[in-house]
């Protein structure tokens, strides 16, 4: 059986390798006020041009919109009215083994109320799928049980438009 540390390392490697795929196609989504062709200036900048290579891809990390082109990260600098090269974003926080929490960022503009409802409904669904309810647990379950709960919770939230880390 694989150790939890090895599984975590493999999972992190898969996330790192899939980052370009998760970043989405070049060009971004226009028409919603955000960056992209045909959009107006949004809170994250005017879209393409202004120092940003045409082939840059959108990459949301938490609530910050980065652009990534050829391994270089860009952010909008409102004072200079241009995209500037920045240091790579900090690593996404990881949770210790045995934690039941799933880090989920709303990626479809969900309100705080909607986020709470989604989190609760997905928690209930994950409990039904895994047979484990961390809110009523009196002792730590087997690692496989908590992992199954976390994966079910993450799958449900992902299906409702959240970015899962």
C-alpha atoms as a PDB file:
ATOM      1  CA  UNK A   1       0.000   0.000   0.000  1.00  0.00           C
ATOM      2  CA  UNK A   2       1.259   3.479  -0.827  1.00  0.00           C
ATOM      3  CA  UNK A   3       2.096   5.774   2.049  1.00  0.00           C
ATOM      4  CA  UNK A   4       0.078   8.998   2.558  1.00  0.00           C
ATOM      5  CA  UNK A   5       3.250  11.040   1.918  1.00  0.00           C
ATOM      6  CA  UNK A   6       3.812   9.344  -1.411  1.00  0.00           C
ATOM      7  CA  UNK A   7       0.175   9.860  -2.429  1.00  0.00           C
ATOM      8  CA  UNK A   8       0.427  13.531  -1.499  1.00  0.00           C
ATOM      9  CA  UNK A   9       3.613  13.920  -3.541  1.00  0.00           C
ATOM     10  CA  UNK A  10       1.990  12.218  -6.529  1.00  0.00           C
ATOM     11  CA  UNK A  11      -1.110  14.414  -6.207  1.00  0.00           C
ATOM     12  CA  UNK A  12       1.002  17.588  -6.062  1.00  0.00           C
ATOM     13  CA  UNK A  13       2.981  16.446  -9.094  1.00  0.00           C
ATOM     14  CA  UNK A  14      -0.242  15.831 -11.050  1.00  0.00           C
ATOM     15  CA  UNK A  15      -1.576  19.270 -10.088  1.00  0.00           C
ATOM     16  CA  UNK A  16       1.684  20.915 -11.173  1.00  0.00           C
ATOM     17  CA  UNK A  17       1.658  19.083 -14.487  1.00  0.00           C
ATOM     18  CA  UNK A  18      -1.990  19.916 -15.153  1.00  0.00           C
ATOM     19  CA  UNK A  19      -1.672  23.641 -14.300  1.00  0.00           C
ATOM     20  CA  UNK A  20      -1.457  24.710 -17.970  1.00  0.00           C
ATOM     21  CA  UNK A  21      -4.583  22.680 -18.716  1.00  0.00           C
ATOM     22  CA  UNK A  22      -6.462  24.155 -15.754  1.00  0.00           C
ATOM     23  CA  UNK A  23      -5.450  27.681 -16.739  1.00  0.00           C
ATOM     24  CA  UNK A  24      -7.824  27.540 -19.704  1.00  0.00           C
ATOM     25  CA  UNK A  25      -7.452  28.516 -23.316  1.00  0.00           C
ATOM     26  CA  UNK A  26      -5.737  31.734 -24.328  1.00  0.00           C
ATOM     27  CA  UNK A  27      -7.927  34.762 -24.805  1.00  0.00           C
ATOM     28  CA  UNK A  28      -9.951  34.556 -21.620  1.00  0.00           C
ATOM     29  CA  UNK A  29     -13.659  35.062 -21.446  1.00  0.00           C
ATOM     30  CA  UNK A  30     -14.827  38.264 -23.044  1.00  0.00           C
ATOM     31  CA  UNK A  31     -18.200  39.890 -22.661  1.00  0.00           C
ATOM     32  CA  UNK A  32     -18.476  39.620 -18.876  1.00  0.00           C
ATOM     33  CA  UNK A  33     -16.533  42.748 -17.976  1.00  0.00           C
ATOM     34  CA  UNK A  34     -13.322  40.822 -17.287  1.00  0.00           C
ATOM     35  CA  UNK A  35     -10.165  40.518 -19.308  1.00  0.00           C
ATOM     36  CA  UNK A  36     -10.389  39.210 -22.811  1.00  0.00           C
ATOM     37  CA  UNK A  37     -11.100  40.275 -26.362  1.00  0.00           C
ATOM     38  CA  UNK A  38     -14.021  42.631 -26.705  1.00  0.00           C
ATOM     39  CA  UNK A  39     -14.330  43.333 -23.005  1.00  0.00           C
ATOM     40  CA  UNK A  40     -14.320  46.649 -21.236  1.00  0.00           C
ATOM     41  CA  UNK A  41     -11.787  47.511 -18.591  1.00  0.00           C
ATOM     42  CA  UNK A  42     -12.518  45.416 -15.548  1.00  0.00           C
ATOM     43  CA  UNK A  43     -10.953  45.339 -12.084  1.00  0.00           C
ATOM     44  CA  UNK A  44      -8.079  43.204 -13.393  1.00  0.00           C
ATOM     45  CA  UNK A  45      -7.112  45.374 -16.368  1.00  0.00           C
ATOM     46  CA  UNK A  46      -8.145  46.061 -19.936  1.00  0.00           C
ATOM     47  CA  UNK A  47      -7.582  42.602 -21.386  1.00  0.00           C
ATOM     48  CA  UNK A  48      -4.922  42.053 -24.028  1.00  0.00           C
ATOM     49  CA  UNK A  49      -2.109  44.410 -24.956  1.00  0.00           C
ATOM     50  CA  UNK A  50      -0.675  46.881 -22.459  1.00  0.00           C
ATOM     51  CA  UNK A  51       2.478  44.787 -22.004  1.00  0.00           C
ATOM     52  CA  UNK A  52       0.699  41.415 -21.962  1.00  0.00           C
ATOM     53  CA  UNK A  53       1.702  38.892 -24.642  1.00  0.00           C
ATOM     54  CA  UNK A  54      -1.157  37.792 -26.909  1.00  0.00           C
ATOM     55  CA  UNK A  55      -0.646  34.141 -25.982  1.00  0.00           C
ATOM     56  CA  UNK A  56      -0.863  34.706 -22.198  1.00  0.00           C
ATOM     57  CA  UNK A  57      -3.315  32.486 -20.328  1.00  0.00           C
ATOM     58  CA  UNK A  58      -5.576  33.452 -17.429  1.00  0.00           C
ATOM     59  CA  UNK A  59      -4.738  31.759 -14.153  1.00  0.00           C
ATOM     60  CA  UNK A  60      -6.859  32.375 -11.059  1.00  0.00           C
ATOM     61  CA  UNK A  61      -5.113  31.644  -7.765  1.00  0.00           C
ATOM     62  CA  UNK A  62      -7.465  32.365  -4.916  1.00  0.00           C
ATOM     63  CA  UNK A  63      -9.109  35.663  -5.819  1.00  0.00           C
ATOM     64  CA  UNK A  64      -6.156  36.984  -7.828  1.00  0.00           C
ATOM     65  CA  UNK A  65      -6.068  36.877 -11.619  1.00  0.00           C
ATOM     66  CA  UNK A  66      -2.582  36.192 -12.958  1.00  0.00           C
ATOM     67  CA  UNK A  67      -1.613  35.863 -16.587  1.00  0.00           C
ATOM     68  CA  UNK A  68       0.997  33.284 -17.522  1.00  0.00           C
ATOM     69  CA  UNK A  69       3.082  33.400 -20.703  1.00  0.00           C
ATOM     70  CA  UNK A  70       6.170  31.254 -21.328  1.00  0.00           C
ATOM     71  CA  UNK A  71       6.700  30.700 -17.596  1.00  0.00           C
ATOM     72  CA  UNK A  72       6.405  34.432 -16.757  1.00  0.00           C
ATOM     73  CA  UNK A  73       3.616  35.723 -14.498  1.00  0.00           C
ATOM     74  CA  UNK A  74       1.897  39.071 -15.055  1.00  0.00           C
ATOM     75  CA  UNK A  75      -0.481  41.192 -12.949  1.00  0.00           C
ATOM     76  CA  UNK A  76      -2.313  44.393 -13.840  1.00  0.00           C
ATOM     77  CA  UNK A  77      -0.728  47.522 -12.346  1.00  0.00           C
ATOM     78  CA  UNK A  78      -3.495  50.135 -12.200  1.00  0.00           C
ATOM     79  CA  UNK A  79      -1.110  52.997 -11.380  1.00  0.00           C
ATOM     80  CA  UNK A  80       1.035  52.330 -14.456  1.00  0.00           C
ATOM     81  CA  UNK A  81      -1.955  51.180 -16.553  1.00  0.00           C
ATOM     82  CA  UNK A  82      -0.079  48.149 -17.837  1.00  0.00           C
ATOM     83  CA  UNK A  83       0.636  44.531 -17.062  1.00  0.00           C
ATOM     84  CA  UNK A  84       3.875  43.994 -15.180  1.00  0.00           C
ATOM     85  CA  UNK A  85       6.037  40.947 -14.638  1.00  0.00           C
ATOM     86  CA  UNK A  86       5.738  39.634 -11.079  1.00  0.00           C
ATOM     87  CA  UNK A  87       7.247  36.858  -9.011  1.00  0.00           C
ATOM     88  CA  UNK A  88       5.486  33.502  -9.305  1.00  0.00           C
ATOM     89  CA  UNK A  89       2.506  33.347  -6.938  1.00  0.00           C
ATOM     90  CA  UNK A  90       2.992  31.754  -3.541  1.00  0.00           C
ATOM     91  CA  UNK A  91       2.319  28.052  -3.298  1.00  0.00           C
ATOM     92  CA  UNK A  92      -1.258  27.074  -2.658  1.00  0.00           C
ATOM     93  CA  UNK A  93      -1.603  26.080   0.989  1.00  0.00           C
ATOM     94  CA  UNK A  94      -1.853  22.361   1.599  1.00  0.00           C
ATOM     95  CA  UNK A  95      -3.750  20.703   4.374  1.00  0.00           C
ATOM     96  CA  UNK A  96      -2.230  18.228   6.790  1.00  0.00           C
ATOM     97  CA  UNK A  97      -3.106  14.557   6.383  1.00  0.00           C
ATOM     98  CA  UNK A  98      -6.260  13.719   8.302  1.00  0.00           C
ATOM     99  CA  UNK A  99      -7.833  17.114   7.669  1.00  0.00           C
ATOM    100  CA  UNK A 100     -11.389  17.051   6.360  1.00  0.00           C
ATOM    101  CA  UNK A 101     -11.315  20.519   4.813  1.00  0.00           C
ATOM    102  CA  UNK A 102     -11.381  21.173   1.069  1.00  0.00           C
ATOM    103  CA  UNK A 103     -10.083  24.510  -0.215  1.00  0.00           C
ATOM    104  CA  UNK A 104     -12.618  25.757  -2.756  1.00  0.00           C
ATOM    105  CA  UNK A 105     -12.670  29.148  -4.461  1.00  0.00           C
ATOM    106  CA  UNK A 106     -15.873  30.404  -6.113  1.00  0.00           C
ATOM    107  CA  UNK A 107     -15.176  30.723  -9.830  1.00  0.00           C
ATOM    108  CA  UNK A 108     -18.673  31.522 -11.052  1.00  0.00           C
ATOM    109  CA  UNK A 109     -19.407  34.598  -8.925  1.00  0.00           C
ATOM    110  CA  UNK A 110     -21.297  32.731  -6.207  1.00  0.00           C
ATOM    111  CA  UNK A 111     -22.574  34.955  -3.381  1.00  0.00           C
ATOM    112  CA  UNK A 112     -21.644  34.283   0.245  1.00  0.00           C
ATOM    113  CA  UNK A 113     -25.117  32.812   0.822  1.00  0.00           C
ATOM    114  CA  UNK A 114     -24.798  30.543  -2.205  1.00  0.00           C
ATOM    115  CA  UNK A 115     -21.333  29.434  -1.074  1.00  0.00           C
ATOM    116  CA  UNK A 116     -22.740  28.473   2.319  1.00  0.00           C
ATOM    117  CA  UNK A 117     -25.620  26.508   0.773  1.00  0.00           C
ATOM    118  CA  UNK A 118     -23.301  24.765  -1.679  1.00  0.00           C
ATOM    119  CA  UNK A 119     -20.818  23.887   1.069  1.00  0.00           C
ATOM    120  CA  UNK A 120     -23.581  22.432   3.261  1.00  0.00           C
ATOM    121  CA  UNK A 121     -25.289  20.478   0.461  1.00  0.00           C
ATOM    122  CA  UNK A 122     -21.958  19.109  -0.769  1.00  0.00           C
ATOM    123  CA  UNK A 123     -21.020  18.164   2.806  1.00  0.00           C
ATOM    124  CA  UNK A 124     -24.275  16.200   3.139  1.00  0.00           C
ATOM    125  CA  UNK A 125     -23.646  14.498  -0.218  1.00  0.00           C
ATOM    126  CA  UNK A 126     -20.050  13.620   0.743  1.00  0.00           C
ATOM    127  CA  UNK A 127     -21.304  12.134   4.031  1.00  0.00           C
ATOM    128  CA  UNK A 128     -23.780   9.967   2.097  1.00  0.00           C
ATOM    129  CA  UNK A 129     -21.071   8.869  -0.338  1.00  0.00           C
ATOM    130  CA  UNK A 130     -18.352   8.165   2.224  1.00  0.00           C
ATOM    131  CA  UNK A 131     -20.372   7.079   5.242  1.00  0.00           C
ATOM    132  CA  UNK A 132     -18.302   9.476   7.360  1.00  0.00           C
ATOM    133  CA  UNK A 133     -19.464  12.746   8.930  1.00  0.00           C
ATOM    134  CA  UNK A 134     -16.591  14.819  10.343  1.00  0.00           C
ATOM    135  CA  UNK A 135     -19.034  17.064  12.220  1.00  0.00           C
ATOM    136  CA  UNK A 136     -20.108  14.155  14.430  1.00  0.00           C
ATOM    137  CA  UNK A 137     -16.839  12.201  14.586  1.00  0.00           C
ATOM    138  CA  UNK A 138     -15.562  11.427  18.061  1.00  0.00           C
ATOM    139  CA  UNK A 139     -12.269   9.968  16.882  1.00  0.00           C
ATOM    140  CA  UNK A 140     -10.110  10.171  13.794  1.00  0.00           C
ATOM    141  CA  UNK A 141     -11.194   7.774  11.054  1.00  0.00           C
ATOM    142  CA  UNK A 142      -8.904   5.740   8.852  1.00  0.00           C
ATOM    143  CA  UNK A 143      -6.968   7.902   6.387  1.00  0.00           C
ATOM    144  CA  UNK A 144      -8.769   6.251   3.467  1.00  0.00           C
ATOM    145  CA  UNK A 145     -12.139   7.236   4.950  1.00  0.00           C
ATOM    146  CA  UNK A 146     -11.258  10.909   5.427  1.00  0.00           C
ATOM    147  CA  UNK A 147      -9.651  10.954   1.978  1.00  0.00           C
ATOM    148  CA  UNK A 148     -12.834   9.523   0.414  1.00  0.00           C
ATOM    149  CA  UNK A 149     -14.925  12.199   2.188  1.00  0.00           C
ATOM    150  CA  UNK A 150     -12.592  14.995   0.968  1.00  0.00           C
ATOM    151  CA  UNK A 151     -12.623  13.686  -2.617  1.00  0.00           C
ATOM    152  CA  UNK A 152     -16.434  13.469  -2.606  1.00  0.00           C
ATOM    153  CA  UNK A 153     -16.749  16.990  -1.168  1.00  0.00           C
ATOM    154  CA  UNK A 154     -14.287  18.348  -3.737  1.00  0.00           C
ATOM    155  CA  UNK A 155     -16.065  16.624  -6.624  1.00  0.00           C
ATOM    156  CA  UNK A 156     -19.412  18.069  -5.570  1.00  0.00           C
ATOM    157  CA  UNK A 157     -18.040  21.608  -5.182  1.00  0.00           C
ATOM    158  CA  UNK A 158     -16.194  21.373  -8.470  1.00  0.00           C
ATOM    159  CA  UNK A 159     -19.447  20.375 -10.155  1.00  0.00           C
ATOM    160  CA  UNK A 160     -21.062  23.506  -8.747  1.00  0.00           C
ATOM    161  CA  UNK A 161     -18.470  25.847 -10.226  1.00  0.00           C
ATOM    162  CA  UNK A 162     -15.732  26.052  -7.604  1.00  0.00           C
ATOM    163  CA  UNK A 163     -12.003  25.858  -8.209  1.00  0.00           C
ATOM    164  CA  UNK A 164     -10.646  23.139  -5.920  1.00  0.00           C
ATOM    165  CA  UNK A 165      -7.099  23.258  -4.530  1.00  0.00           C
END
